[in-house]
C-alpha atoms as a PDB file:
ATOM      1  CA  MET A   1     -14.395  44.948  63.964  1.00  0.00           C
ATOM      2  CA  GLU A   2     -10.716  45.889  63.701  1.00  0.00           C
ATOM      3  CA  PHE A   3      -9.685  42.579  65.266  1.00  0.00           C
ATOM      4  CA  GLY A   4     -11.965  40.752  62.839  1.00  0.00           C
ATOM      5  CA  ASN A   5     -10.399  42.532  59.866  1.00  0.00           C
ATOM      6  CA  THR A   6      -6.912  41.693  61.133  1.00  0.00           C
ATOM      7  CA  ASP A   7      -7.815  38.022  61.485  1.00  0.00           C
ATOM      8  CA  ASN A   8      -9.352  37.981  57.993  1.00  0.00           C
ATOM      9  CA  ASN A   9      -6.223  39.550  56.536  1.00  0.00           C
ATOM     10  CA  LYS A  10      -4.049  36.914  58.205  1.00  0.00           C
ATOM     11  CA  ILE A  11      -6.283  34.140  56.857  1.00  0.00           C
ATOM     12  CA  LEU A  12      -6.082  35.608  53.331  1.00  0.00           C
ATOM     13  CA  LEU A  13      -2.297  35.945  53.527  1.00  0.00           C
ATOM     14  CA  ASN A  14      -1.910  32.360  54.717  1.00  0.00           C
ATOM     15  CA  LEU A  15      -4.224  31.191  51.943  1.00  0.00           C
ATOM     16  CA  GLN A  16      -2.205  33.117  49.352  1.00  0.00           C
ATOM     17  CA  ARG A  17       1.033  31.567  50.625  1.00  0.00           C
ATOM     18  CA  LEU A  18      -0.490  28.085  50.560  1.00  0.00           C
ATOM     19  CA  LEU A  19      -1.815  28.539  47.017  1.00  0.00           C
ATOM     20  CA  SER A  20       1.538  29.930  45.898  1.00  0.00           C
ATOM     21  CA  GLN A  21       3.374  26.941  47.400  1.00  0.00           C
ATOM     22  CA  ARG A  22       0.955  24.493  45.791  1.00  0.00           C
ATOM     23  CA  PHE A  23       1.267  26.232  42.421  1.00  0.00           C
ATOM     24  CA  SER A  24       5.083  26.243  42.639  1.00  0.00           C
ATOM     25  CA  ALA A  25       5.090  22.527  43.486  1.00  0.00           C
ATOM     26  CA  PHE A  26       2.767  21.839  40.540  1.00  0.00           C
ATOM     27  CA  ARG A  27       4.996  23.825  38.157  1.00  0.00           C
ATOM     28  CA  LEU A  28       8.021  21.800  39.229  1.00  0.00           C
ATOM     29  CA  LYS A  29       6.112  18.548  38.804  1.00  0.00           C
ATOM     30  CA  ILE A  30       5.229  19.279  35.165  1.00  0.00           C
ATOM     31  CA  SER A  31       8.462  21.123  34.345  1.00  0.00           C
ATOM     32  CA  SER A  32      11.341  20.236  32.062  1.00  0.00           C
ATOM     33  CA  CYS A  33      14.776  21.819  31.851  1.00  0.00           C
ATOM     34  CA  ILE A  34      15.176  24.201  28.886  1.00  0.00           C
ATOM     35  CA  LEU A  35      18.722  22.909  28.352  1.00  0.00           C
ATOM     36  CA  CYS A  36      18.436  19.124  28.684  1.00  0.00           C
ATOM     37  CA  GLY A  37      14.697  18.419  28.905  1.00  0.00           C
ATOM     38  CA  ASN A  38      14.916  16.500  32.184  1.00  0.00           C
ATOM     39  CA  ALA A  39      12.775  17.111  35.250  1.00  0.00           C
ATOM     40  CA  CYS A  40      13.575  20.118  37.429  1.00  0.00           C
ATOM     41  CA  GLN A  41      14.077  20.100  41.194  1.00  0.00           C
ATOM     42  CA  HIS A  42      14.321  23.761  42.244  1.00  0.00           C
ATOM     43  CA  HIS A  43      13.294  25.962  39.320  1.00  0.00           C
ATOM     44  CA  PRO A  44      10.787  24.969  36.618  1.00  0.00           C
ATOM     45  CA  LEU A  45      13.098  25.992  33.750  1.00  0.00           C
ATOM     46  CA  LEU A  46      16.441  24.592  34.898  1.00  0.00           C
ATOM     47  CA  CYS A  47      17.452  21.282  36.462  1.00  0.00           C
ATOM     48  CA  GLN A  48      20.036  21.120  39.237  1.00  0.00           C
ATOM     49  CA  PHE A  49      22.615  19.440  36.992  1.00  0.00           C
ATOM     50  CA  CYS A  50      22.465  22.067  34.231  1.00  0.00           C
ATOM     51  CA  GLN A  51      22.464  24.785  36.876  1.00  0.00           C
ATOM     52  CA  ALA A  52      25.682  23.359  38.330  1.00  0.00           C
ATOM     53  CA  ASP A  53      27.213  23.282  34.832  1.00  0.00           C
ATOM     54  CA  LEU A  54      26.566  26.933  33.997  1.00  0.00           C
ATOM     55  CA  PRO A  55      29.755  28.842  33.027  1.00  0.00           C
ATOM     56  CA  TYR A  56      30.185  30.619  36.365  1.00  0.00           C
ATOM     57  CA  PHE A  57      33.277  32.635  37.133  1.00  0.00           C
ATOM     58  CA  ASN A  58      35.695  30.405  39.019  1.00  0.00           C
ATOM     59  CA  TYR A  59      35.531  31.894  42.493  1.00  0.00           C
ATOM     60  CA  GLN A  60      38.223  29.559  43.749  1.00  0.00           C
ATOM     61  CA  LEU A  61      40.591  31.635  41.621  1.00  0.00           C
ATOM     62  CA  LEU A  62      38.779  34.985  41.424  1.00  0.00           C
ATOM     63  CA  PRO A  63      37.368  37.344  44.068  1.00  0.00           C
ATOM     64  CA  TYR A  64      33.588  37.659  44.281  1.00  0.00           C
ATOM     65  CA  ASP A  65      34.044  41.397  43.868  1.00  0.00           C
ATOM     66  CA  LEU A  66      35.369  41.450  40.304  1.00  0.00           C
ATOM     67  CA  LEU A  67      36.758  44.976  40.681  1.00  0.00           C
ATOM     68  CA  SER A  68      39.723  43.305  42.371  1.00  0.00           C
ATOM     69  CA  TRP A  69      40.448  41.323  39.202  1.00  0.00           C
ATOM     70  CA  PRO A  70      43.134  42.944  36.958  1.00  0.00           C
ATOM     71  CA  ALA A  71      41.221  42.010  33.795  1.00  0.00           C
ATOM     72  CA  VAL A  72      38.247  44.081  34.973  1.00  0.00           C
ATOM     73  CA  THR A  73      40.485  46.968  36.036  1.00  0.00           C
ATOM     74  CA  LYS A  74      41.770  47.061  32.466  1.00  0.00           C
ATOM     75  CA  LEU A  75      38.254  46.758  31.038  1.00  0.00           C
ATOM     76  CA  ILE A  76      36.791  49.449  33.339  1.00  0.00           C
ATOM     77  CA  PRO A  77      39.648  51.801  34.306  1.00  0.00           C
ATOM     78  CA  LYS A  78      37.369  54.533  35.664  1.00  0.00           C
ATOM     79  CA  LYS A  79      34.730  53.473  38.173  1.00  0.00           C
ATOM     80  CA  ASN A  80      32.075  55.445  40.042  1.00  0.00           C
ATOM     81  CA  PHE A  81      30.793  52.258  41.689  1.00  0.00           C
ATOM     82  CA  ASP A  82      32.549  50.437  44.528  1.00  0.00           C
ATOM     83  CA  HIS A  83      31.835  46.754  43.854  1.00  0.00           C
ATOM     84  CA  LEU A  84      31.064  44.642  40.805  1.00  0.00           C
ATOM     85  CA  ILE A  85      29.306  41.301  41.225  1.00  0.00           C
ATOM     86  CA  ALA A  86      28.434  39.113  38.219  1.00  0.00           C
ATOM     87  CA  ILE A  87      27.321  35.516  37.889  1.00  0.00           C
ATOM     88  CA  ALA A  88      29.252  34.600  34.756  1.00  0.00           C
ATOM     89  CA  PRO A  89      30.818  35.864  31.529  1.00  0.00           C
ATOM     90  CA  TYR A  90      28.459  36.830  28.719  1.00  0.00           C
ATOM     91  CA  VAL A  91      28.573  33.438  27.020  1.00  0.00           C
ATOM     92  CA  TRP A  92      26.137  30.616  26.229  1.00  0.00           C
ATOM     93  CA  PRO A  93      23.558  29.960  27.568  1.00  0.00           C
ATOM     94  CA  LEU A  94      23.278  33.223  29.522  1.00  0.00           C
ATOM     95  CA  ASP A  95      23.817  35.384  26.443  1.00  0.00           C
ATOM     96  CA  THR A  96      21.068  33.478  24.629  1.00  0.00           C
ATOM     97  CA  TRP A  97      18.652  33.774  27.546  1.00  0.00           C
ATOM     98  CA  ILE A  98      19.242  37.523  27.868  1.00  0.00           C
ATOM     99  CA  THR A  99      18.766  38.026  24.117  1.00  0.00           C
ATOM    100  CA  GLN A 100      15.580  35.939  24.129  1.00  0.00           C
ATOM    101  CA  LEU A 101      14.262  37.896  27.105  1.00  0.00           C
ATOM    102  CA  LYS A 102      14.972  41.306  25.559  1.00  0.00           C
ATOM    103  CA  TYR A 103      14.148  40.765  21.911  1.00  0.00           C
ATOM    104  CA  GLN A 104      11.896  37.707  21.741  1.00  0.00           C
ATOM    105  CA  HIS A 105       9.709  38.677  24.718  1.00  0.00           C
ATOM    106  CA  LYS A 106      10.371  35.456  26.633  1.00  0.00           C
ATOM    107  CA  THR A 107       9.660  37.183  29.936  1.00  0.00           C
ATOM    108  CA  GLU A 108       9.610  33.883  31.831  1.00  0.00           C
ATOM    109  CA  LEU A 109      13.409  34.034  31.543  1.00  0.00           C
ATOM    110  CA  ALA A 110      13.435  37.103  33.804  1.00  0.00           C
ATOM    111  CA  GLU A 111      12.285  34.835  36.629  1.00  0.00           C
ATOM    112  CA  LEU A 112      15.042  32.332  35.854  1.00  0.00           C
ATOM    113  CA  LEU A 113      17.736  35.020  35.738  1.00  0.00           C
ATOM    114  CA  SER A 114      16.410  36.492  38.990  1.00  0.00           C
ATOM    115  CA  TYR A 115      16.569  33.054  40.583  1.00  0.00           C
ATOM    116  CA  LEU A 116      20.224  32.680  39.557  1.00  0.00           C
ATOM    117  CA  LEU A 117      21.069  36.190  40.751  1.00  0.00           C
ATOM    118  CA  ILE A 118      19.404  35.577  44.124  1.00  0.00           C
ATOM    119  CA  ASP A 119      21.363  32.347  44.563  1.00  0.00           C
ATOM    120  CA  HIS A 120      24.616  34.098  43.650  1.00  0.00           C
ATOM    121  CA  TRP A 121      23.955  36.989  46.048  1.00  0.00           C
ATOM    122  CA  HIS A 122      23.228  34.545  48.868  1.00  0.00           C
ATOM    123  CA  ASN A 123      26.670  32.997  48.269  1.00  0.00           C
ATOM    124  CA  TYR A 124      28.316  36.422  48.136  1.00  0.00           C
ATOM    125  CA  LEU A 125      26.808  37.553  51.445  1.00  0.00           C
ATOM    126  CA  GLU A 126      27.756  34.278  53.095  1.00  0.00           C
ATOM    127  CA  ILE A 127      31.386  34.500  52.017  1.00  0.00           C
ATOM    128  CA  GLU A 128      32.038  38.251  52.236  1.00  0.00           C
ATOM    129  CA  LYS A 129      30.047  38.957  55.437  1.00  0.00           C
ATOM    130  CA  THR A 130      29.171  42.452  54.181  1.00  0.00           C
ATOM    131  CA  ASN A 131      27.167  44.976  56.159  1.00  0.00           C
ATOM    132  CA  ILE A 132      24.429  45.178  53.519  1.00  0.00           C
ATOM    133  CA  THR A 133      21.044  44.899  55.217  1.00  0.00           C
ATOM    134  CA  PRO A 134      17.447  45.920  54.415  1.00  0.00           C
ATOM    135  CA  ASP A 135      17.863  48.782  56.890  1.00  0.00           C
ATOM    136  CA  ASN A 136      20.720  50.489  55.047  1.00  0.00           C
ATOM    137  CA  THR A 137      20.272  49.364  51.432  1.00  0.00           C
ATOM    138  CA  SER A 138      18.024  50.052  48.458  1.00  0.00           C
ATOM    139  CA  VAL A 139      17.887  48.423  45.044  1.00  0.00           C
ATOM    140  CA  LEU A 140      17.786  50.408  41.799  1.00  0.00           C
ATOM    141  CA  SER A 141      17.678  49.138  38.226  1.00  0.00           C
ATOM    142  CA  VAL A 142      19.164  50.613  35.057  1.00  0.00           C
ATOM    143  CA  PRO A 143      16.179  52.246  33.320  1.00  0.00           C
ATOM    144  CA  LEU A 144      15.016  52.263  29.710  1.00  0.00           C
ATOM    145  CA  HIS A 145      13.917  55.413  27.935  1.00  0.00           C
ATOM    146  CA  LEU A 146      10.130  55.650  27.569  1.00  0.00           C
ATOM    147  CA  LYS A 147      10.319  55.154  23.781  1.00  0.00           C
ATOM    148  CA  LYS A 148      12.344  51.948  24.146  1.00  0.00           C
ATOM    149  CA  TRP A 149      10.101  50.762  26.970  1.00  0.00           C
ATOM    150  CA  GLN A 150       7.034  51.267  24.773  1.00  0.00           C
ATOM    151  CA  THR A 151       8.682  49.353  21.929  1.00  0.00           C
ATOM    152  CA  ARG A 152       9.816  46.449  24.098  1.00  0.00           C
ATOM    153  CA  GLY A 153       6.922  46.518  26.538  1.00  0.00           C
ATOM    154  CA  PHE A 154       9.089  46.008  29.638  1.00  0.00           C
ATOM    155  CA  ASN A 155      12.469  46.742  31.162  1.00  0.00           C
ATOM    156  CA  GLN A 156      14.344  43.496  31.766  1.00  0.00           C
ATOM    157  CA  ALA A 157      16.515  45.035  34.512  1.00  0.00           C
ATOM    158  CA  HIS A 158      13.352  46.131  36.337  1.00  0.00           C
ATOM    159  CA  LEU A 159      11.825  42.644  36.164  1.00  0.00           C
ATOM    160  CA  ILE A 160      14.991  41.102  37.597  1.00  0.00           C
ATOM    161  CA  ALA A 161      15.471  43.786  40.276  1.00  0.00           C
ATOM    162  CA  ARG A 162      11.873  43.560  41.494  1.00  0.00           C
ATOM    163  CA  LYS A 163      12.145  39.813  42.118  1.00  0.00           C
ATOM    164  CA  PHE A 164      15.644  40.128  43.608  1.00  0.00           C
ATOM    165  CA  SER A 165      14.753  42.886  46.088  1.00  0.00           C
ATOM    166  CA  LYS A 166      11.696  40.985  47.302  1.00  0.00           C
ATOM    167  CA  ALA A 167      13.810  37.911  48.085  1.00  0.00           C
ATOM    168  CA  PHE A 168      16.025  39.912  50.478  1.00  0.00           C
ATOM    169  CA  ASP A 169      13.462  42.450  51.769  1.00  0.00           C
ATOM    170  CA  TYR A 170      15.447  45.308  50.254  1.00  0.00           C
ATOM    171  CA  SER A 171      13.591  48.477  49.386  1.00  0.00           C
ATOM    172  CA  TYR A 172      13.220  48.760  45.618  1.00  0.00           C
ATOM    173  CA  GLN A 173      13.080  52.372  44.435  1.00  0.00           C
ATOM    174  CA  ALA A 174      11.946  51.700  40.889  1.00  0.00           C
ATOM    175  CA  ASN A 175      11.452  55.294  39.719  1.00  0.00           C
ATOM    176  CA  VAL A 176      14.430  57.103  41.228  1.00  0.00           C
ATOM    177  CA  VAL A 177      16.653  56.818  38.139  1.00  0.00           C
ATOM    178  CA  ILE A 178      15.066  58.082  34.911  1.00  0.00           C
ATOM    179  CA  ARG A 179      16.522  57.779  31.418  1.00  0.00           C
ATOM    180  CA  GLU A 180      15.877  61.249  30.019  1.00  0.00           C
ATOM    181  CA  LYS A 181      17.778  60.898  26.752  1.00  0.00           C
ATOM    182  CA  CYS A 182      16.863  58.283  24.141  1.00  0.00           C
ATOM    183  CA  THR A 183      20.376  57.170  23.249  1.00  0.00           C
ATOM    184  CA  GLU A 184      21.657  55.174  20.319  1.00  0.00           C
ATOM    185  CA  ASN A 185      22.439  51.499  20.811  1.00  0.00           C
ATOM    186  CA  GLN A 186      25.775  51.090  22.588  1.00  0.00           C
ATOM    187  CA  VAL A 187      26.732  47.885  20.742  1.00  0.00           C
ATOM    188  CA  GLY A 188      29.901  48.314  18.712  1.00  0.00           C
ATOM    189  CA  LYS A 189      30.763  51.760  20.077  1.00  0.00           C
ATOM    190  CA  SER A 190      34.168  52.602  21.541  1.00  0.00           C
ATOM    191  CA  GLY A 191      34.506  53.621  25.168  1.00  0.00           C
ATOM    192  CA  LEU A 192      34.749  57.307  24.175  1.00  0.00           C
ATOM    193  CA  ASP A 193      31.684  57.092  21.933  1.00  0.00           C
ATOM    194  CA  ARG A 194      29.746  55.314  24.681  1.00  0.00           C
ATOM    195  CA  ARG A 195      30.555  58.106  27.136  1.00  0.00           C
ATOM    196  CA  LYS A 196      29.500  60.791  24.614  1.00  0.00           C
ATOM    197  CA  ASN A 197      26.316  58.855  23.836  1.00  0.00           C
ATOM    198  CA  LEU A 198      25.339  58.636  27.513  1.00  0.00           C
ATOM    199  CA  LYS A 199      26.338  62.128  28.628  1.00  0.00           C
ATOM    200  CA  ASN A 200      23.428  63.698  30.528  1.00  0.00           C
ATOM    201  CA  ALA A 201      21.269  60.672  29.665  1.00  0.00           C
ATOM    202  CA  PHE A 202      20.022  60.062  33.215  1.00  0.00           C
ATOM    203  CA  GLY A 203      18.347  62.002  35.976  1.00  0.00           C
ATOM    204  CA  LEU A 204      17.525  61.322  39.638  1.00  0.00           C
ATOM    205  CA  TYR A 205      14.062  62.046  40.971  1.00  0.00           C
ATOM    206  CA  LEU A 206      13.283  61.733  44.670  1.00  0.00           C
ATOM    207  CA  GLY A 207       9.852  62.421  46.101  1.00  0.00           C
ATOM    208  CA  LYS A 208       9.299  64.856  48.940  1.00  0.00           C
ATOM    209  CA  GLY A 209      11.017  63.450  52.014  1.00  0.00           C
ATOM    210  CA  GLU A 210      12.427  60.528  49.990  1.00  0.00           C
ATOM    211  CA  ARG A 211      16.101  59.825  50.661  1.00  0.00           C
ATOM    212  CA  LEU A 212      18.697  57.453  49.374  1.00  0.00           C
ATOM    213  CA  PRO A 213      20.352  55.084  51.884  1.00  0.00           C
ATOM    214  CA  LYS A 214      24.099  54.801  52.256  1.00  0.00           C
ATOM    215  CA  ASN A 215      24.216  51.548  50.240  1.00  0.00           C
ATOM    216  CA  ILE A 216      22.787  51.064  46.752  1.00  0.00           C
ATOM    217  CA  ILE A 217      22.605  47.870  44.695  1.00  0.00           C
ATOM    218  CA  LEU A 218      22.314  48.828  41.023  1.00  0.00           C
ATOM    219  CA  ILE A 219      21.041  45.976  38.851  1.00  0.00           C
ATOM    220  CA  ASP A 220      21.577  45.486  35.117  1.00  0.00           C
ATOM    221  CA  ASP A 221      21.466  42.448  32.864  1.00  0.00           C
ATOM    222  CA  VAL A 222      24.851  42.836  31.137  1.00  0.00           C
ATOM    223  CA  VAL A 223      27.853  45.057  31.909  1.00  0.00           C
ATOM    224  CA  THR A 224      30.222  45.716  29.004  1.00  0.00           C
ATOM    225  CA  THR A 225      32.401  48.757  29.713  1.00  0.00           C
ATOM    226  CA  GLY A 226      30.598  50.071  32.798  1.00  0.00           C
ATOM    227  CA  THR A 227      29.780  53.358  31.038  1.00  0.00           C
ATOM    228  CA  THR A 228      26.048  53.238  31.748  1.00  0.00           C
ATOM    229  CA  ALA A 229      26.572  52.358  35.410  1.00  0.00           C
ATOM    230  CA  ASN A 230      29.234  55.050  35.792  1.00  0.00           C
ATOM    231  CA  GLU A 231      26.851  57.761  34.594  1.00  0.00           C
ATOM    232  CA  ILE A 232      24.159  56.664  37.044  1.00  0.00           C
ATOM    233  CA  CYS A 233      26.574  56.148  39.939  1.00  0.00           C
ATOM    234  CA  LYS A 234      28.066  59.604  39.473  1.00  0.00           C
ATOM    235  CA  LEU A 235      24.607  61.071  40.114  1.00  0.00           C
ATOM    236  CA  LEU A 236      24.074  58.802  43.127  1.00  0.00           C
ATOM    237  CA  LYS A 237      27.407  59.719  44.701  1.00  0.00           C
ATOM    238  CA  ASN A 238      26.566  63.420  44.240  1.00  0.00           C
ATOM    239  CA  ARG A 239      23.417  62.780  46.294  1.00  0.00           C
ATOM    240  CA  GLY A 240      25.354  61.326  49.216  1.00  0.00           C
ATOM    241  CA  VAL A 241      25.343  57.576  48.524  1.00  0.00           C
ATOM    242  CA  GLN A 242      28.435  56.077  50.154  1.00  0.00           C
ATOM    243  CA  SER A 243      28.727  52.626  48.551  1.00  0.00           C
ATOM    244  CA  ILE A 244      27.341  51.259  45.268  1.00  0.00           C
ATOM    245  CA  THR A 245      27.378  47.622  44.216  1.00  0.00           C
ATOM    246  CA  LEU A 246      26.864  47.014  40.518  1.00  0.00           C
ATOM    247  CA  LEU A 247      25.136  43.642  40.303  1.00  0.00           C
ATOM    248  CA  CYS A 248      24.563  41.953  36.955  1.00  0.00           C
ATOM    249  CA  ILE A 249      23.856  38.624  35.336  1.00  0.00           C
ATOM    250  CA  SER A 250      26.823  38.690  32.968  1.00  0.00           C
ATOM    251  CA  LEU A 251      30.023  40.587  32.324  1.00  0.00           C
ATOM    252  CA  ALA A 252      31.056  40.946  28.695  1.00  0.00           C
ATOM    253  CA  ILE A 253      34.793  40.306  28.619  1.00  0.00           C
ATOM    254  CA  PRO A 254      36.733  40.891  25.371  1.00  0.00           C
ATOM    255  CA  ASN A 255      38.410  37.820  23.888  1.00  0.00           C
END
């Protein structure tokens, strides 16, 4: 009977994969790019030409790890994380997509942003040859407070991180970081006010026998001053994490 159950499970898994592939192919066939309206080749919301024209950071001039860039050193002078990887500046159309995702409940954009982040991370690993593997790495996402989660209905960083971690077989520890303090909106606050606003805002909760690996990838949608990430990373470093990569869709750079 055990062998029969195993065979049935394999058949079901293969059927699920086949149906998923067929559904993905169908979505592409009926898709149109949200920027130009033309047919899509790889993702049902974005054609390959508009994807190539996105306002990426110029990595022929800049390092993939943006912490090595003087402009970021000035923007984030104090850092509790070790690497900062971002797809692009917080400009159109990424700023519009993130706003629509968060405040207009266009959750299909989480899949698009995840797709772009996965593609960017593939390029980063290929170029940097880092020792980040599923065996020594976990993914965390910047959490929302329960009140904000109930108002919004989802945490955009969680949606992106869940898809991202699955693509690379990283462990995703979704409930390790908890937002204990319902803070005011950070928009428009100075660096000092942001730090005061987020003081003691987060907590770490590990189950019995649960441990953190030596490498953590912390995912957020937008990084502005790094204050939120710094608060979380300080807790992680106190629990023995050796290296933290802050990975985001966009970096908000002052004009």
